[in-house]
Amino acid sequence: MKKILALLIIVTFGTIVIYSSNLNAQAVSATTLKAGYFNPKGSKAGFIFGGHYSWIVDESVDIGIAVDYFRKRYTEETSVAESVSAGGTVEKEIRTDAEFTTNILPIYGLINIKFPAGMYLDYFASGGLGYAMLFSKEQTFGENASKTNRFYSGFKWIVSTGIMYQVGSRSSFLAEVFYDGTKVSREKKDDIGAPVRYEVDLSGVGFRIGIRMGFH
């Protein structure tokens, strides 16, 4: 099923590129870079970075390809002891019991629609469909130390809305709120009987700011 999904996404991206290239012999495009905060259900909240390259259909619509990157690293620690030096410095001995790292990498097609609100201000709404990958690492320390790496993948969809303010002849500042409805999974290996999978819910709300460079 995942192979079929991945193939459909690749075909969709290819269609977007071909269609967009044929829109105009001298294709007009825009590049957008974003950074913000994301709080997925299946992971602790953290910062998200991304960007997309889009081809302009007209003054209100553009379509393109986007890539995001989310990373969250945190540890579980235990305070072991505390001491005070002769000079009054309080020192704590802290032991790291476990370390967890989450990396999310989605790739998806995107459509943006702008709604003029003034000479320099636009509202916009976006929607995207694609494929997401989750790389999870769990490492424990001590007598029973262990290290586990897991890979999940699945269908991604995202919707967003925000404002875009023109700050230059070919640049705009933007701010958006988005909802990501992604769920990823991995199959349980060596399982006897009916197929079993592990699923992680990556849906959640986030916000980003960024800059758009190119055609307005």
C-alpha atoms as a PDB file:
ATOM      1  CA  MET A   1       0.000   0.000   0.000  1.00  0.00           C
ATOM      2  CA  LYS A   2       2.791   2.436   0.917  1.00  0.00           C
ATOM      3  CA  LYS A   3       4.595   1.697  -2.360  1.00  0.00           C
ATOM      4  CA  ILE A   4       1.427   2.515  -4.297  1.00  0.00           C
ATOM      5  CA  LEU A   5       0.992   5.731  -2.293  1.00  0.00           C
ATOM      6  CA  ALA A   6       4.591   6.774  -2.904  1.00  0.00           C
ATOM      7  CA  LEU A   7       4.185   6.093  -6.649  1.00  0.00           C
ATOM      8  CA  LEU A   8       0.997   8.180  -6.787  1.00  0.00           C
ATOM      9  CA  ILE A   9       2.746  11.070  -5.053  1.00  0.00           C
ATOM     10  CA  ILE A  10       5.698  10.927  -7.453  1.00  0.00           C
ATOM     11  CA  VAL A  11       3.322  10.914 -10.425  1.00  0.00           C
ATOM     12  CA  THR A  12       1.429  13.860  -8.914  1.00  0.00           C
ATOM     13  CA  PHE A  13       4.632  15.867  -8.426  1.00  0.00           C
ATOM     14  CA  GLY A  14       5.692  15.068 -11.983  1.00  0.00           C
ATOM     15  CA  THR A  15       2.342  16.230 -13.306  1.00  0.00           C
ATOM     16  CA  ILE A  16       2.618  19.481 -11.342  1.00  0.00           C
ATOM     17  CA  VAL A  17       6.070  20.185 -12.756  1.00  0.00           C
ATOM     18  CA  ILE A  18       5.090  19.406 -16.336  1.00  0.00           C
ATOM     19  CA  TYR A  19       1.838  21.350 -16.144  1.00  0.00           C
ATOM     20  CA  SER A  20       3.466  24.329 -14.493  1.00  0.00           C
ATOM     21  CA  SER A  21       6.286  24.438 -17.040  1.00  0.00           C
ATOM     22  CA  ASN A  22       3.742  24.595 -19.831  1.00  0.00           C
ATOM     23  CA  LEU A  23       1.808  27.457 -18.290  1.00  0.00           C
ATOM     24  CA  ASN A  24       4.209  29.955 -19.773  1.00  0.00           C
ATOM     25  CA  ALA A  25       7.196  29.660 -22.063  1.00  0.00           C
ATOM     26  CA  GLN A  26       8.999  31.942 -19.632  1.00  0.00           C
ATOM     27  CA  ALA A  27       7.723  30.436 -16.394  1.00  0.00           C
ATOM     28  CA  VAL A  28       7.241  32.921 -13.566  1.00  0.00           C
ATOM     29  CA  SER A  29       7.991  31.491 -10.143  1.00  0.00           C
ATOM     30  CA  ALA A  30       8.370  32.278  -6.449  1.00  0.00           C
ATOM     31  CA  THR A  31      10.388  30.840  -3.581  1.00  0.00           C
ATOM     32  CA  THR A  32       9.136  30.890   0.012  1.00  0.00           C
ATOM     33  CA  LEU A  33      11.120  30.195   3.192  1.00  0.00           C
ATOM     34  CA  LYS A  34       9.353  29.663   6.536  1.00  0.00           C
ATOM     35  CA  ALA A  35      10.130  28.952  10.189  1.00  0.00           C
ATOM     36  CA  GLY A  36       7.805  28.442  13.126  1.00  0.00           C
ATOM     37  CA  TYR A  37       6.410  26.264  15.888  1.00  0.00           C
ATOM     38  CA  PHE A  38       4.534  22.964  15.570  1.00  0.00           C
ATOM     39  CA  ASN A  39       2.780  20.841  18.194  1.00  0.00           C
ATOM     40  CA  PRO A  40       2.054  17.326  16.835  1.00  0.00           C
ATOM     41  CA  LYS A  41       0.005  14.921  18.966  1.00  0.00           C
ATOM     42  CA  GLY A  42       2.513  12.075  18.723  1.00  0.00           C
ATOM     43  CA  SER A  43       5.582  14.104  19.705  1.00  0.00           C
ATOM     44  CA  LYS A  44       6.647  16.970  21.916  1.00  0.00           C
ATOM     45  CA  ALA A  45       6.294  20.413  20.368  1.00  0.00           C
ATOM     46  CA  GLY A  46       9.231  22.057  18.624  1.00  0.00           C
ATOM     47  CA  PHE A  47      10.441  24.255  15.801  1.00  0.00           C
ATOM     48  CA  ILE A  48       9.656  23.563  12.153  1.00  0.00           C
ATOM     49  CA  PHE A  49      11.469  24.889   9.082  1.00  0.00           C
ATOM     50  CA  GLY A  50      10.508  24.645   5.447  1.00  0.00           C
ATOM     51  CA  GLY A  51      10.230  26.122   2.034  1.00  0.00           C
ATOM     52  CA  HIS A  52       8.451  25.719  -1.242  1.00  0.00           C
ATOM     53  CA  TYR A  53       8.998  26.531  -4.861  1.00  0.00           C
ATOM     54  CA  SER A  54       5.905  27.478  -6.835  1.00  0.00           C
ATOM     55  CA  TRP A  55       4.936  28.303 -10.392  1.00  0.00           C
ATOM     56  CA  ILE A  56       2.557  31.209 -10.946  1.00  0.00           C
ATOM     57  CA  VAL A  57      -0.735  30.379 -12.668  1.00  0.00           C
ATOM     58  CA  ASP A  58      -2.087  33.946 -12.440  1.00  0.00           C
ATOM     59  CA  GLU A  59      -2.210  36.875 -10.012  1.00  0.00           C
ATOM     60  CA  SER A  60      -4.209  34.819  -7.488  1.00  0.00           C
ATOM     61  CA  VAL A  61      -3.090  31.186  -7.818  1.00  0.00           C
ATOM     62  CA  ASP A  62       0.235  29.355  -7.760  1.00  0.00           C
ATOM     63  CA  ILE A  63       1.104  25.675  -7.409  1.00  0.00           C
ATOM     64  CA  GLY A  64       4.354  24.069  -6.334  1.00  0.00           C
ATOM     65  CA  ILE A  65       6.363  21.615  -4.285  1.00  0.00           C
ATOM     66  CA  ALA A  66       7.174  22.001  -0.578  1.00  0.00           C
ATOM     67  CA  VAL A  67       9.561  20.401   1.917  1.00  0.00           C
ATOM     68  CA  ASP A  68       9.456  20.821   5.705  1.00  0.00           C
ATOM     69  CA  TYR A  69      11.756  19.695   8.497  1.00  0.00           C
ATOM     70  CA  PHE A  70      10.778  19.221  12.143  1.00  0.00           C
ATOM     71  CA  ARG A  71      13.260  18.131  14.822  1.00  0.00           C
ATOM     72  CA  LYS A  72      12.770  17.678  18.537  1.00  0.00           C
ATOM     73  CA  ARG A  73      15.412  16.350  20.934  1.00  0.00           C
ATOM     74  CA  TYR A  74      14.877  15.967  24.648  1.00  0.00           C
ATOM     75  CA  THR A  75      16.269  13.984  27.569  1.00  0.00           C
ATOM     76  CA  GLU A  76      15.084  12.364  30.768  1.00  0.00           C
ATOM     77  CA  GLU A  77      17.343  13.339  33.672  1.00  0.00           C
ATOM     78  CA  THR A  78      17.644  12.594  37.363  1.00  0.00           C
ATOM     79  CA  SER A  79      19.182  14.862  39.991  1.00  0.00           C
ATOM     80  CA  VAL A  80      21.667  12.640  41.835  1.00  0.00           C
ATOM     81  CA  ALA A  81      23.319  14.943  44.373  1.00  0.00           C
ATOM     82  CA  GLU A  82      23.850  18.543  45.343  1.00  0.00           C
ATOM     83  CA  SER A  83      26.858  20.201  46.946  1.00  0.00           C
ATOM     84  CA  VAL A  84      27.851  23.689  48.086  1.00  0.00           C
ATOM     85  CA  SER A  85      31.411  24.951  47.710  1.00  0.00           C
ATOM     86  CA  ALA A  86      33.228  27.063  50.279  1.00  0.00           C
ATOM     87  CA  GLY A  87      32.472  30.095  48.143  1.00  0.00           C
ATOM     88  CA  GLY A  88      28.736  29.362  48.211  1.00  0.00           C
ATOM     89  CA  THR A  89      28.403  27.933  44.706  1.00  0.00           C
ATOM     90  CA  VAL A  90      25.590  25.355  44.532  1.00  0.00           C
ATOM     91  CA  GLU A  91      26.459  22.489  42.243  1.00  0.00           C
ATOM     92  CA  LYS A  92      24.028  19.743  41.137  1.00  0.00           C
ATOM     93  CA  GLU A  93      25.009  16.345  39.814  1.00  0.00           C
ATOM     94  CA  ILE A  94      22.554  15.377  37.063  1.00  0.00           C
ATOM     95  CA  ARG A  95      22.401  11.988  35.367  1.00  0.00           C
ATOM     96  CA  THR A  96      21.003  11.560  31.854  1.00  0.00           C
ATOM     97  CA  ASP A  97      18.830   8.443  31.834  1.00  0.00           C
ATOM     98  CA  ALA A  98      17.475   8.577  28.273  1.00  0.00           C
ATOM     99  CA  GLU A  99      17.650  10.636  25.121  1.00  0.00           C
ATOM    100  CA  PHE A 100      14.898  10.922  22.497  1.00  0.00           C
ATOM    101  CA  THR A 101      15.122  12.432  19.012  1.00  0.00           C
ATOM    102  CA  THR A 102      12.264  12.941  16.562  1.00  0.00           C
ATOM    103  CA  ASN A 103      12.796  13.997  12.941  1.00  0.00           C
ATOM    104  CA  ILE A 104       9.850  14.562  10.592  1.00  0.00           C
ATOM    105  CA  LEU A 105      10.463  15.119   6.866  1.00  0.00           C
ATOM    106  CA  PRO A 106       7.400  15.650   4.628  1.00  0.00           C
ATOM    107  CA  ILE A 107       7.405  16.309   0.883  1.00  0.00           C
ATOM    108  CA  TYR A 108       4.178  17.485  -0.722  1.00  0.00           C
ATOM    109  CA  GLY A 109       2.453  19.332  -3.527  1.00  0.00           C
ATOM    110  CA  LEU A 110       0.929  22.692  -2.625  1.00  0.00           C
ATOM    111  CA  ILE A 111      -1.636  25.125  -4.006  1.00  0.00           C
ATOM    112  CA  ASN A 112      -1.858  28.749  -2.822  1.00  0.00           C
ATOM    113  CA  ILE A 113      -4.783  31.119  -3.390  1.00  0.00           C
ATOM    114  CA  LYS A 114      -4.467  34.848  -2.657  1.00  0.00           C
ATOM    115  CA  PHE A 115      -7.245  37.305  -1.847  1.00  0.00           C
ATOM    116  CA  PRO A 116      -6.347  41.018  -2.225  1.00  0.00           C
ATOM    117  CA  ALA A 117      -7.009  43.072   0.908  1.00  0.00           C
ATOM    118  CA  GLY A 118      -5.240  46.309   0.044  1.00  0.00           C
ATOM    119  CA  MET A 119      -2.442  47.852  -1.986  1.00  0.00           C
ATOM    120  CA  TYR A 120       0.274  45.848  -0.200  1.00  0.00           C
ATOM    121  CA  LEU A 121      -1.722  43.302   1.812  1.00  0.00           C
ATOM    122  CA  ASP A 122      -3.154  39.933   0.750  1.00  0.00           C
ATOM    123  CA  TYR A 123      -4.909  37.144   2.580  1.00  0.00           C
ATOM    124  CA  PHE A 124      -4.111  33.639   1.430  1.00  0.00           C
ATOM    125  CA  ALA A 125      -5.220  30.037   1.872  1.00  0.00           C
ATOM    126  CA  SER A 126      -3.144  26.953   1.050  1.00  0.00           C
ATOM    127  CA  GLY A 127      -3.627  23.214   0.843  1.00  0.00           C
ATOM    128  CA  GLY A 128      -1.153  20.402   0.340  1.00  0.00           C
ATOM    129  CA  LEU A 129      -1.006  16.640  -0.181  1.00  0.00           C
ATOM    130  CA  GLY A 130       2.049  14.415  -0.054  1.00  0.00           C
ATOM    131  CA  TYR A 131       4.195  11.918   1.817  1.00  0.00           C
ATOM    132  CA  ALA A 132       5.721  12.183   5.293  1.00  0.00           C
ATOM    133  CA  MET A 133       8.585  10.300   6.941  1.00  0.00           C
ATOM    134  CA  LEU A 134       9.263  10.025  10.670  1.00  0.00           C
ATOM    135  CA  PHE A 135      12.680   9.009  12.016  1.00  0.00           C
ATOM    136  CA  SER A 136      12.591   8.199  15.726  1.00  0.00           C
ATOM    137  CA  LYS A 137      15.620   7.474  17.915  1.00  0.00           C
ATOM    138  CA  GLU A 138      15.471   6.328  21.540  1.00  0.00           C
ATOM    139  CA  GLN A 139      18.623   5.753  23.579  1.00  0.00           C
ATOM    140  CA  THR A 140      18.814   4.740  27.243  1.00  0.00           C
ATOM    141  CA  PHE A 141      21.902   4.738  29.445  1.00  0.00           C
ATOM    142  CA  GLY A 142      23.058   2.747  32.436  1.00  0.00           C
ATOM    143  CA  GLU A 143      23.219  -0.983  33.137  1.00  0.00           C
ATOM    144  CA  ASN A 144      20.459  -1.859  30.668  1.00  0.00           C
ATOM    145  CA  ALA A 145      21.513   0.626  27.995  1.00  0.00           C
ATOM    146  CA  SER A 146      19.793   0.305  24.640  1.00  0.00           C
ATOM    147  CA  LYS A 147      19.432   2.134  21.355  1.00  0.00           C
ATOM    148  CA  THR A 148      16.393   1.895  19.088  1.00  0.00           C
ATOM    149  CA  ASN A 149      15.787   3.491  15.685  1.00  0.00           C
ATOM    150  CA  ARG A 150      12.346   3.427  14.089  1.00  0.00           C
ATOM    151  CA  PHE A 151      11.087   4.590  10.691  1.00  0.00           C
ATOM    152  CA  TYR A 152       7.471   5.490   9.926  1.00  0.00           C
ATOM    153  CA  SER A 153       5.864   6.849   6.771  1.00  0.00           C
ATOM    154  CA  GLY A 154       2.446   7.749   5.477  1.00  0.00           C
ATOM    155  CA  PHE A 155       0.063  10.129   3.756  1.00  0.00           C
ATOM    156  CA  LYS A 156       0.288  13.845   4.548  1.00  0.00           C
ATOM    157  CA  TRP A 157      -2.253  16.622   4.197  1.00  0.00           C
ATOM    158  CA  ILE A 158      -2.047  20.192   5.401  1.00  0.00           C
ATOM    159  CA  VAL A 159      -4.170  23.353   5.232  1.00  0.00           C
ATOM    160  CA  SER A 160      -3.177  26.868   6.200  1.00  0.00           C
ATOM    161  CA  THR A 161      -4.315  30.472   6.122  1.00  0.00           C
ATOM    162  CA  GLY A 162      -2.548  33.743   6.732  1.00  0.00           C
ATOM    163  CA  ILE A 163      -1.545  37.178   5.537  1.00  0.00           C
ATOM    164  CA  MET A 164       1.087  38.374   3.097  1.00  0.00           C
ATOM    165  CA  TYR A 165       2.488  41.898   3.177  1.00  0.00           C
ATOM    166  CA  GLN A 166       4.588  43.254   0.309  1.00  0.00           C
ATOM    167  CA  VAL A 167       7.836  44.792   1.537  1.00  0.00           C
ATOM    168  CA  GLY A 168       9.676  45.118  -1.787  1.00  0.00           C
ATOM    169  CA  SER A 169       9.164  44.931  -5.517  1.00  0.00           C
ATOM    170  CA  ARG A 170       9.722  41.148  -5.453  1.00  0.00           C
ATOM    171  CA  SER A 171       9.460  40.215  -1.776  1.00  0.00           C
ATOM    172  CA  SER A 172       6.720  39.805   0.802  1.00  0.00           C
ATOM    173  CA  PHE A 173       6.564  39.002   4.494  1.00  0.00           C
ATOM    174  CA  LEU A 174       4.033  36.351   5.490  1.00  0.00           C
ATOM    175  CA  ALA A 175       2.538  34.842   8.629  1.00  0.00           C
ATOM    176  CA  GLU A 176       0.329  31.761   8.723  1.00  0.00           C
ATOM    177  CA  VAL A 177      -1.521  29.337  10.978  1.00  0.00           C
ATOM    178  CA  PHE A 178      -1.719  25.744   9.778  1.00  0.00           C
ATOM    179  CA  TYR A 179      -3.266  22.407  10.638  1.00  0.00           C
ATOM    180  CA  ASP A 180      -1.429  19.221   9.704  1.00  0.00           C
ATOM    181  CA  GLY A 181      -3.481  16.016   9.515  1.00  0.00           C
ATOM    182  CA  THR A 182      -0.621  13.566   8.996  1.00  0.00           C
ATOM    183  CA  LYS A 183      -0.516  10.010  10.362  1.00  0.00           C
ATOM    184  CA  VAL A 184       2.425   7.682   9.768  1.00  0.00           C
ATOM    185  CA  SER A 185       2.896   3.992  10.483  1.00  0.00           C
ATOM    186  CA  ARG A 186       5.238   1.028  10.303  1.00  0.00           C
ATOM    187  CA  GLU A 187       4.476  -2.660   9.963  1.00  0.00           C
ATOM    188  CA  LYS A 188       5.117  -5.080  12.802  1.00  0.00           C
ATOM    189  CA  LYS A 189       7.660  -7.611  11.596  1.00  0.00           C
ATOM    190  CA  ASP A 190       7.581 -11.370  12.188  1.00  0.00           C
ATOM    191  CA  ASP A 191       3.978 -11.245  13.317  1.00  0.00           C
ATOM    192  CA  ILE A 192       1.886 -14.411  12.947  1.00  0.00           C
ATOM    193  CA  GLY A 193      -1.705 -14.014  11.830  1.00  0.00           C
ATOM    194  CA  ALA A 194      -3.420 -10.813  10.731  1.00  0.00           C
ATOM    195  CA  PRO A 195      -1.207  -7.870   9.683  1.00  0.00           C
ATOM    196  CA  VAL A 196      -0.361  -5.494  12.530  1.00  0.00           C
ATOM    197  CA  ARG A 197       1.033  -1.965  12.321  1.00  0.00           C
ATOM    198  CA  TYR A 198       2.239   0.721  14.698  1.00  0.00           C
ATOM    199  CA  GLU A 199       0.817   4.195  14.057  1.00  0.00           C
ATOM    200  CA  VAL A 200       1.927   7.664  15.158  1.00  0.00           C
ATOM    201  CA  ASP A 201      -0.487  10.595  14.966  1.00  0.00           C
ATOM    202  CA  LEU A 202       1.439  13.656  13.792  1.00  0.00           C
ATOM    203  CA  SER A 203      -1.612  15.871  13.375  1.00  0.00           C
ATOM    204  CA  GLY A 204      -1.589  19.213  15.132  1.00  0.00           C
ATOM    205  CA  VAL A 205      -1.622  22.991  14.915  1.00  0.00           C
ATOM    206  CA  GLY A 206       1.304  25.298  14.245  1.00  0.00           C
ATOM    207  CA  PHE A 207       2.242  28.758  13.085  1.00  0.00           C
ATOM    208  CA  ARG A 208       5.013  30.111  10.869  1.00  0.00           C
ATOM    209  CA  ILE A 209       6.469  33.328   9.569  1.00  0.00           C
ATOM    210  CA  GLY A 210       8.535  33.685   6.444  1.00  0.00           C
ATOM    211  CA  ILE A 211       9.449  35.535   3.316  1.00  0.00           C
ATOM    212  CA  ARG A 212       8.279  35.035  -0.252  1.00  0.00           C
ATOM    213  CA  MET A 213      10.656  36.048  -3.034  1.00  0.00           C
ATOM    214  CA  GLY A 214       9.620  36.384  -6.656  1.00  0.00           C
ATOM    215  CA  PHE A 215       6.441  37.257  -8.511  1.00  0.00           C
ATOM    216  CA  HIS A 216       3.633  38.876  -6.448  1.00  0.00           C
END
